[in-house]
N, C-alpha and C. Protein backbone atom coordinates (compact mmCIF):
# COMPACT_ATOMS: atom_id res chain seq x y z
N MET A 1 0.90 -1.03 -0.04
CA MET A 1 0.00 0.07 0.00
C MET A 1 1.02 1.31 0.05
N ASN A 2 0.69 1.94 -1.20
CA ASN A 2 1.60 3.28 -1.02
C ASN A 2 1.22 4.45 -0.14
N LYS A 3 1.94 5.30 -0.08
CA LYS A 3 1.51 6.46 1.00
C LYS A 3 0.34 7.28 0.54
N PHE A 4 -0.11 7.43 -0.75
CA PHE A 4 -1.53 8.03 -1.27
C PHE A 4 -2.59 7.30 -0.82
N LYS A 5 -2.54 5.80 -1.14
CA LYS A 5 -3.59 5.11 -0.66
C LYS A 5 -3.97 4.89 0.84
N LEU A 6 -2.95 4.82 1.64
CA LEU A 6 -2.83 4.81 3.05
C LEU A 6 -3.26 6.23 3.48
N ALA A 7 -2.94 7.43 3.04
CA ALA A 7 -3.42 8.79 3.34
C ALA A 7 -5.10 8.69 3.08
N LEU A 8 -5.36 8.28 1.80
CA LEU A 8 -6.81 8.24 1.53
C LEU A 8 -7.65 7.41 2.45
N PHE A 9 -7.12 6.36 2.87
CA PHE A 9 -8.01 5.29 3.72
C PHE A 9 -7.98 5.96 5.11
N VAL A 10 -6.99 6.74 5.60
CA VAL A 10 -7.21 7.41 6.83
C VAL A 10 -8.03 8.45 6.95
N VAL A 11 -8.06 9.30 5.62
CA VAL A 11 -9.04 10.40 5.51
C VAL A 11 -10.44 9.97 5.45
N MET A 12 -10.61 8.87 4.68
CA MET A 12 -11.97 8.33 4.54
C MET A 12 -12.39 7.88 6.14
N ASN A 13 -11.42 7.41 6.84
CA ASN A 13 -12.17 6.96 8.35
C ASN A 13 -12.61 8.01 8.89
N ILE A 14 -11.94 9.25 8.71
CA ILE A 14 -12.12 10.49 9.42
C ILE A 14 -13.66 11.09 8.70
N VAL A 15 -13.76 11.03 7.34
CA VAL A 15 -14.82 11.47 6.78
C VAL A 15 -16.02 10.65 7.25
N ASN A 16 -16.13 9.63 7.61
CA ASN A 16 -17.14 8.52 7.86
C ASN A 16 -17.78 9.47 9.12
N TYR A 17 -17.20 10.16 10.02
CA TYR A 17 -17.70 10.80 11.19
C TYR A 17 -18.31 12.16 10.83
N VAL A 18 -18.59 12.36 9.59
CA VAL A 18 -19.18 13.62 9.24
C VAL A 18 -20.67 13.67 9.63
N LEU A 19 -21.16 12.45 9.96
CA LEU A 19 -22.57 12.32 10.38
C LEU A 19 -22.70 12.72 11.89
N VAL A 20 -21.70 12.63 12.72
CA VAL A 20 -21.78 13.02 14.21
C VAL A 20 -21.44 14.65 14.13
N VAL A 21 -21.04 15.27 13.13
CA VAL A 21 -20.68 16.65 12.97
C VAL A 21 -22.00 17.22 12.77
N LEU A 22 -22.70 16.57 11.87
CA LEU A 22 -24.09 17.05 11.26
C LEU A 22 -25.09 16.96 12.38
N ALA A 23 -25.03 15.93 13.07
CA ALA A 23 -26.01 15.65 14.20
C ALA A 23 -25.78 16.73 15.25
N CYS A 24 -24.77 17.23 15.65
CA CYS A 24 -24.34 18.07 16.57
C CYS A 24 -24.74 19.51 15.97
N LEU A 25 -24.65 19.75 14.78
CA LEU A 25 -25.16 20.92 14.22
C LEU A 25 -26.54 21.15 14.15
N LEU A 26 -27.23 19.92 13.63
CA LEU A 26 -28.44 20.03 13.19
C LEU A 26 -29.70 19.54 14.30
N TRP A 27 -29.21 19.11 15.64
CA TRP A 27 -30.18 18.56 16.56
C TRP A 27 -31.45 19.38 16.74
N LYS A 28 -31.22 20.62 16.79
CA LYS A 28 -32.61 21.44 16.96
C LYS A 28 -33.64 21.15 16.05
N CYS A 29 -33.15 20.86 14.85
CA CYS A 29 -33.99 20.75 13.78
C CYS A 29 -34.92 19.36 13.80
N GLY A 30 -34.35 18.43 14.57
CA GLY A 30 -34.94 17.20 14.95
C GLY A 30 -35.05 16.15 13.89
N SER A 31 -35.68 15.19 13.99
CA SER A 31 -35.54 13.89 13.06
C SER A 31 -36.27 14.49 11.48
N MET A 32 -37.02 15.28 11.58
CA MET A 32 -37.33 15.70 10.02
C MET A 32 -36.40 16.04 9.20
N VAL A 33 -35.25 16.79 9.67
CA VAL A 33 -34.18 17.19 8.93
C VAL A 33 -33.08 16.24 8.78
N ILE A 34 -32.80 15.68 9.83
CA ILE A 34 -31.49 14.95 10.04
C ILE A 34 -31.68 13.66 9.62
N ASP A 35 -32.97 12.87 9.48
CA ASP A 35 -33.08 11.49 9.16
C ASP A 35 -32.96 11.55 7.46
N PRO A 36 -33.48 12.54 6.81
CA PRO A 36 -33.45 12.40 5.31
C PRO A 36 -31.87 12.80 4.93
N ILE A 37 -31.22 13.42 5.52
CA ILE A 37 -29.91 13.94 5.09
C ILE A 37 -29.20 12.65 5.44
N PHE A 38 -29.30 11.72 6.53
CA PHE A 38 -28.47 10.67 6.83
C PHE A 38 -28.89 9.32 5.69
N LEU A 39 -30.19 9.42 5.49
CA LEU A 39 -30.55 8.59 4.25
C LEU A 39 -29.94 8.72 3.08
N VAL A 40 -29.74 9.99 2.70
CA VAL A 40 -28.89 10.19 1.47
C VAL A 40 -27.51 9.85 1.59
N LEU A 41 -26.96 10.58 2.80
CA LEU A 41 -25.37 10.67 2.95
C LEU A 41 -24.74 9.15 3.20
N GLN A 42 -25.66 8.41 3.87
CA GLN A 42 -24.94 7.02 4.11
C GLN A 42 -24.58 6.14 2.88
N PRO A 43 -25.53 6.13 2.03
CA PRO A 43 -25.28 5.26 0.77
C PRO A 43 -24.03 5.75 0.01
N VAL A 44 -23.96 7.24 0.14
CA VAL A 44 -22.92 8.12 -0.56
C VAL A 44 -21.63 7.66 0.05
N LEU A 45 -21.49 7.58 1.31
CA LEU A 45 -20.40 7.22 2.29
C LEU A 45 -19.94 5.58 1.80
N VAL A 46 -21.00 4.83 1.90
CA VAL A 46 -20.59 3.43 1.49
C VAL A 46 -20.12 3.24 -0.01
N VAL A 47 -20.70 4.07 -0.82
CA VAL A 47 -19.93 3.85 -2.32
C VAL A 47 -18.67 4.63 -1.92
N ALA A 48 -18.36 5.61 -1.36
CA ALA A 48 -16.94 6.19 -1.21
C ALA A 48 -15.97 5.25 -0.59
N ASN A 49 -16.61 4.44 0.58
CA ASN A 49 -15.71 3.45 1.27
C ASN A 49 -15.37 2.34 0.35
N LEU A 50 -16.22 1.97 -0.70
CA LEU A 50 -16.18 0.79 -1.48
C LEU A 50 -14.95 1.25 -2.59
N PHE A 51 -14.98 2.47 -3.01
CA PHE A 51 -14.09 2.90 -3.96
C PHE A 51 -12.76 3.00 -3.38
N VAL A 52 -12.58 3.68 -2.19
CA VAL A 52 -11.45 3.92 -1.32
C VAL A 52 -10.81 2.65 -1.05
N SER A 53 -11.46 1.49 -0.67
CA SER A 53 -10.82 0.42 -0.22
C SER A 53 -10.23 -0.40 -1.18
N GLN A 54 -9.09 -0.82 -0.96
CA GLN A 54 -8.45 -1.95 -1.96
C GLN A 54 -8.72 -3.21 -1.60
N LYS A 55 -8.92 -3.57 -0.34
CA LYS A 55 -9.00 -5.03 -0.07
C LYS A 55 -10.26 -4.95 1.21
N ASN A 56 -10.65 -6.23 1.20
CA ASN A 56 -11.96 -6.46 1.87
C ASN A 56 -11.77 -6.02 3.48
N TRP A 57 -10.64 -6.33 3.83
CA TRP A 57 -10.68 -5.74 5.36
C TRP A 57 -10.57 -4.42 5.44
N GLN A 58 -10.19 -3.56 4.39
CA GLN A 58 -10.20 -2.21 4.52
C GLN A 58 -11.68 -1.61 4.43
N PHE A 59 -12.47 -2.39 3.49
CA PHE A 59 -13.76 -1.85 3.45
C PHE A 59 -14.60 -2.30 4.80
N ILE A 60 -14.16 -3.49 5.54
CA ILE A 60 -14.85 -3.78 6.67
C ILE A 60 -14.51 -2.63 7.61
N ILE A 61 -13.42 -2.21 7.81
CA ILE A 61 -13.01 -1.39 8.85
C ILE A 61 -13.64 0.14 8.49
N LEU A 62 -13.80 0.48 7.28
CA LEU A 62 -14.60 1.63 6.77
C LEU A 62 -15.95 1.70 7.19
N SER A 63 -16.66 0.59 6.76
CA SER A 63 -18.03 0.21 7.09
C SER A 63 -18.30 0.21 8.64
N PHE A 64 -17.24 -0.37 9.52
CA PHE A 64 -17.48 -0.31 10.83
C PHE A 64 -17.35 0.92 11.36
N HIS A 65 -16.55 1.88 10.91
CA HIS A 65 -16.42 3.29 11.39
C HIS A 65 -17.81 4.00 11.04
N LEU A 66 -18.41 3.65 9.94
CA LEU A 66 -19.55 4.36 9.34
C LEU A 66 -20.66 3.88 10.31
N LEU A 67 -20.66 2.73 10.66
CA LEU A 67 -21.71 2.12 11.58
C LEU A 67 -21.41 2.76 12.92
N ILE A 68 -20.25 2.91 13.51
CA ILE A 68 -20.18 3.74 14.82
C ILE A 68 -20.52 4.99 14.68
N SER A 69 -20.35 5.80 13.43
CA SER A 69 -20.69 6.96 13.34
C SER A 69 -22.19 7.25 13.29
N THR A 70 -23.01 6.30 12.64
CA THR A 70 -24.33 6.32 12.55
C THR A 70 -24.90 6.33 13.77
N ILE A 71 -24.59 5.23 14.74
CA ILE A 71 -25.01 5.16 16.04
C ILE A 71 -24.56 6.26 16.96
N ALA A 72 -23.57 6.72 16.98
CA ALA A 72 -23.25 7.93 17.74
C ALA A 72 -24.08 9.21 17.28
N ALA A 73 -24.29 9.32 15.93
CA ALA A 73 -25.08 10.47 15.58
C ALA A 73 -26.44 10.48 16.01
N ASN A 74 -27.22 9.31 15.72
CA ASN A 74 -28.44 9.17 16.16
C ASN A 74 -28.50 9.29 17.76
N ALA A 75 -27.68 8.69 18.33
CA ALA A 75 -27.85 8.86 19.93
C ALA A 75 -27.55 10.27 20.20
N ILE A 76 -26.64 10.97 19.48
CA ILE A 76 -26.14 12.46 20.18
C ILE A 76 -27.39 13.44 19.83
N SER A 77 -27.93 13.27 18.57
CA SER A 77 -29.14 14.10 18.14
C SER A 77 -30.44 13.94 19.06
N GLY A 78 -30.70 12.50 19.05
CA GLY A 78 -31.72 12.22 20.02
C GLY A 78 -31.69 12.67 21.45
N LEU A 79 -30.60 12.31 21.99
CA LEU A 79 -30.30 12.92 23.29
C LEU A 79 -30.29 14.25 23.50
N LEU A 80 -29.67 15.05 22.52
CA LEU A 80 -29.79 16.68 22.80
C LEU A 80 -31.01 16.97 22.46
N TYR A 81 -31.99 16.34 21.75
CA TYR A 81 -33.28 16.93 21.61
C TYR A 81 -34.13 16.53 22.86
N TYR A 82 -33.87 15.38 23.16
CA TYR A 82 -34.84 15.06 24.70
C TYR A 82 -34.28 15.98 25.69
N SER A 83 -33.02 16.35 25.93
CA SER A 83 -32.59 17.26 27.14
C SER A 83 -33.07 18.49 26.83
N ASN A 84 -32.99 18.94 25.65
CA ASN A 84 -33.21 20.56 25.35
C ASN A 84 -34.55 20.68 24.92
N ILE A 85 -35.18 20.08 24.21
CA ILE A 85 -36.61 20.37 23.41
C ILE A 85 -37.79 19.74 24.04
N ALA A 86 -37.75 18.23 24.00
CA ALA A 86 -38.80 17.54 24.27
C ALA A 86 -38.32 16.33 25.37
N PRO A 87 -38.34 16.87 26.67
CA PRO A 87 -37.97 15.80 27.58
C PRO A 87 -39.34 14.82 27.94
N SER A 88 -39.43 13.95 27.05
CA SER A 88 -40.55 12.82 27.49
C SER A 88 -40.01 11.53 26.86
N SER A 89 -40.63 10.46 27.37
CA SER A 89 -40.28 9.13 27.23
C SER A 89 -40.31 8.71 25.70
N GLU A 90 -41.40 9.39 25.18
CA GLU A 90 -41.48 9.13 23.76
C GLU A 90 -40.24 9.62 22.73
N THR A 91 -39.75 10.61 23.32
CA THR A 91 -38.63 11.13 22.58
C THR A 91 -37.60 10.09 22.73
N LEU A 92 -37.44 9.69 23.84
CA LEU A 92 -36.23 8.59 23.96
C LEU A 92 -36.54 7.22 23.28
N LEU A 93 -37.75 6.86 23.28
CA LEU A 93 -38.15 5.75 22.27
C LEU A 93 -37.89 5.91 20.87
N VAL A 94 -38.25 7.02 20.58
CA VAL A 94 -37.86 7.34 18.91
C VAL A 94 -36.22 7.48 18.84
N CYS A 95 -35.67 7.79 19.85
CA CYS A 95 -34.15 7.72 19.88
C CYS A 95 -33.61 6.57 19.58
N LYS A 96 -34.13 5.44 20.49
CA LYS A 96 -33.76 4.10 20.34
C LYS A 96 -33.96 3.50 19.05
N TYR A 97 -35.02 3.79 18.57
CA TYR A 97 -35.58 3.25 17.35
C TYR A 97 -34.76 3.73 16.07
N GLU A 98 -34.31 5.17 16.25
CA GLU A 98 -33.41 5.62 15.15
C GLU A 98 -32.25 5.02 15.43
N ILE A 99 -31.66 4.63 16.41
CA ILE A 99 -30.40 4.29 16.46
C ILE A 99 -30.17 2.63 15.97
N VAL A 100 -31.22 1.60 16.36
CA VAL A 100 -31.33 0.47 15.77
C VAL A 100 -31.49 0.56 14.24
N ILE A 101 -32.37 1.36 13.81
CA ILE A 101 -32.84 1.38 12.27
C ILE A 101 -31.59 1.97 11.63
N GLY A 102 -30.85 3.04 12.06
CA GLY A 102 -29.79 3.40 11.39
C GLY A 102 -28.47 2.52 11.24
N GLY A 103 -28.25 1.57 12.40
CA GLY A 103 -27.27 0.68 12.55
C GLY A 103 -27.53 -0.40 11.55
N VAL A 104 -28.80 -0.98 11.37
CA VAL A 104 -29.33 -1.93 10.47
C VAL A 104 -29.17 -1.54 8.89
N TYR A 105 -29.58 -0.21 8.79
CA TYR A 105 -29.55 0.43 7.33
C TYR A 105 -28.02 0.36 6.66
N VAL A 106 -27.15 0.67 7.53
CA VAL A 106 -25.75 0.84 7.28
C VAL A 106 -25.15 -0.84 7.10
N ALA A 107 -25.53 -1.54 8.12
CA ALA A 107 -25.39 -2.92 7.70
C ALA A 107 -25.77 -3.44 6.49
N ILE A 108 -27.07 -3.29 6.16
CA ILE A 108 -27.52 -3.73 4.78
C ILE A 108 -26.89 -3.16 3.45
N LEU A 109 -26.60 -1.86 3.93
CA LEU A 109 -25.92 -1.18 2.68
C LEU A 109 -24.49 -1.73 2.22
N SER A 110 -23.80 -1.81 3.47
CA SER A 110 -22.50 -2.50 3.31
C SER A 110 -22.48 -4.01 2.85
N VAL A 111 -23.37 -4.70 3.31
CA VAL A 111 -23.59 -6.08 2.49
C VAL A 111 -23.83 -6.07 1.23
N ALA A 112 -24.60 -5.32 0.94
CA ALA A 112 -25.13 -5.04 -0.41
C ALA A 112 -24.04 -4.59 -1.33
N ALA A 113 -23.06 -3.61 -0.72
CA ALA A 113 -22.02 -3.19 -1.59
C ALA A 113 -20.94 -4.37 -1.98
N VAL A 114 -20.93 -5.15 -0.75
CA VAL A 114 -19.85 -6.31 -0.82
C VAL A 114 -20.43 -7.19 -2.13
N LEU A 115 -21.63 -7.46 -1.84
CA LEU A 115 -22.27 -8.28 -3.00
C LEU A 115 -22.31 -8.06 -4.34
N ILE A 116 -22.64 -6.49 -4.62
CA ILE A 116 -22.43 -6.13 -5.75
C ILE A 116 -21.06 -5.86 -6.37
N LYS A 117 -19.86 -5.84 -5.46
CA LYS A 117 -18.75 -5.69 -5.82
C LYS A 117 -18.12 -7.12 -6.36
N ARG A 118 -18.60 -7.98 -5.55
CA ARG A 118 -18.31 -9.53 -5.92
C ARG A 118 -18.84 -9.91 -7.30
N TRP A 119 -20.24 -9.37 -7.47
CA TRP A 119 -20.85 -9.63 -8.53
C TRP A 119 -20.20 -9.09 -9.92
N LEU A 120 -19.69 -7.74 -9.65
CA LEU A 120 -18.87 -7.18 -10.82
C LEU A 120 -17.73 -7.68 -11.12
N LYS A 121 -17.11 -8.14 -10.02
CA LYS A 121 -15.71 -8.88 -10.46
C LYS A 121 -15.80 -10.30 -11.28
N GLN A 122 -16.98 -10.84 -10.57
CA GLN A 122 -17.21 -12.26 -11.37
C GLN A 122 -17.88 -11.90 -12.75
N ALA A 123 -18.71 -11.00 -13.09
CA ALA A 123 -19.00 -10.67 -14.32
C ALA A 123 -17.77 -10.19 -15.24
N ASP A 124 -16.74 -9.34 -14.60
CA ASP A 124 -15.71 -9.11 -15.18
C ASP A 124 -14.59 -10.16 -15.74
N ARG A 125 -14.67 -11.26 -14.65
CA ARG A 125 -13.76 -12.58 -15.17
C ARG A 125 -14.60 -13.09 -16.26
N ILE A 126 -15.74 -13.13 -16.16
CA ILE A 126 -16.45 -14.14 -17.23
C ILE A 126 -16.16 -13.45 -18.58
N SER A 127 -16.50 -12.11 -18.56
CA SER A 127 -16.32 -11.43 -19.83
C SER A 127 -14.81 -11.52 -20.47
N SER A 128 -13.82 -11.43 -19.43
CA SER A 128 -12.51 -11.42 -19.98
C SER A 128 -12.10 -13.03 -20.31
N SER A 129 -12.61 -13.78 -19.84
CA SER A 129 -12.41 -15.27 -20.07
C SER A 129 -12.84 -15.51 -21.35
N LYS A 130 -13.92 -14.90 -22.00
CA LYS A 130 -14.71 -15.17 -23.43
C LYS A 130 -13.65 -14.59 -24.37
N ASN A 131 -13.05 -13.44 -24.18
CA ASN A 131 -12.27 -12.89 -24.97
C ASN A 131 -10.66 -13.51 -25.18
């Protein structure tokens, strides 16, 4: 692994935590604003992780960091909203569900990305063997 690829891998590990920064900045808006942003940004980050990673273990590490970022961002935004705007048990319940759903969503996206990558490699091997 050369220095550029290593630096890109480290930068992508840090970029995965943009969700936490957004959660800290946008917590006053609540789930109506944060959740759609996360739903669009998470697949973008998974695809970026897929292109940055050269090996499967790198993609697993990047996906794990994205998973941690998603869980932390949902927890931070939910708890900030709970403690400052709506201190009710329903707010905590929504926060718990957002954490679980976000984690499952990132896991599904990561598994789908790995399957698509393997399918593309297999299709490339088949087309190159025909030539």
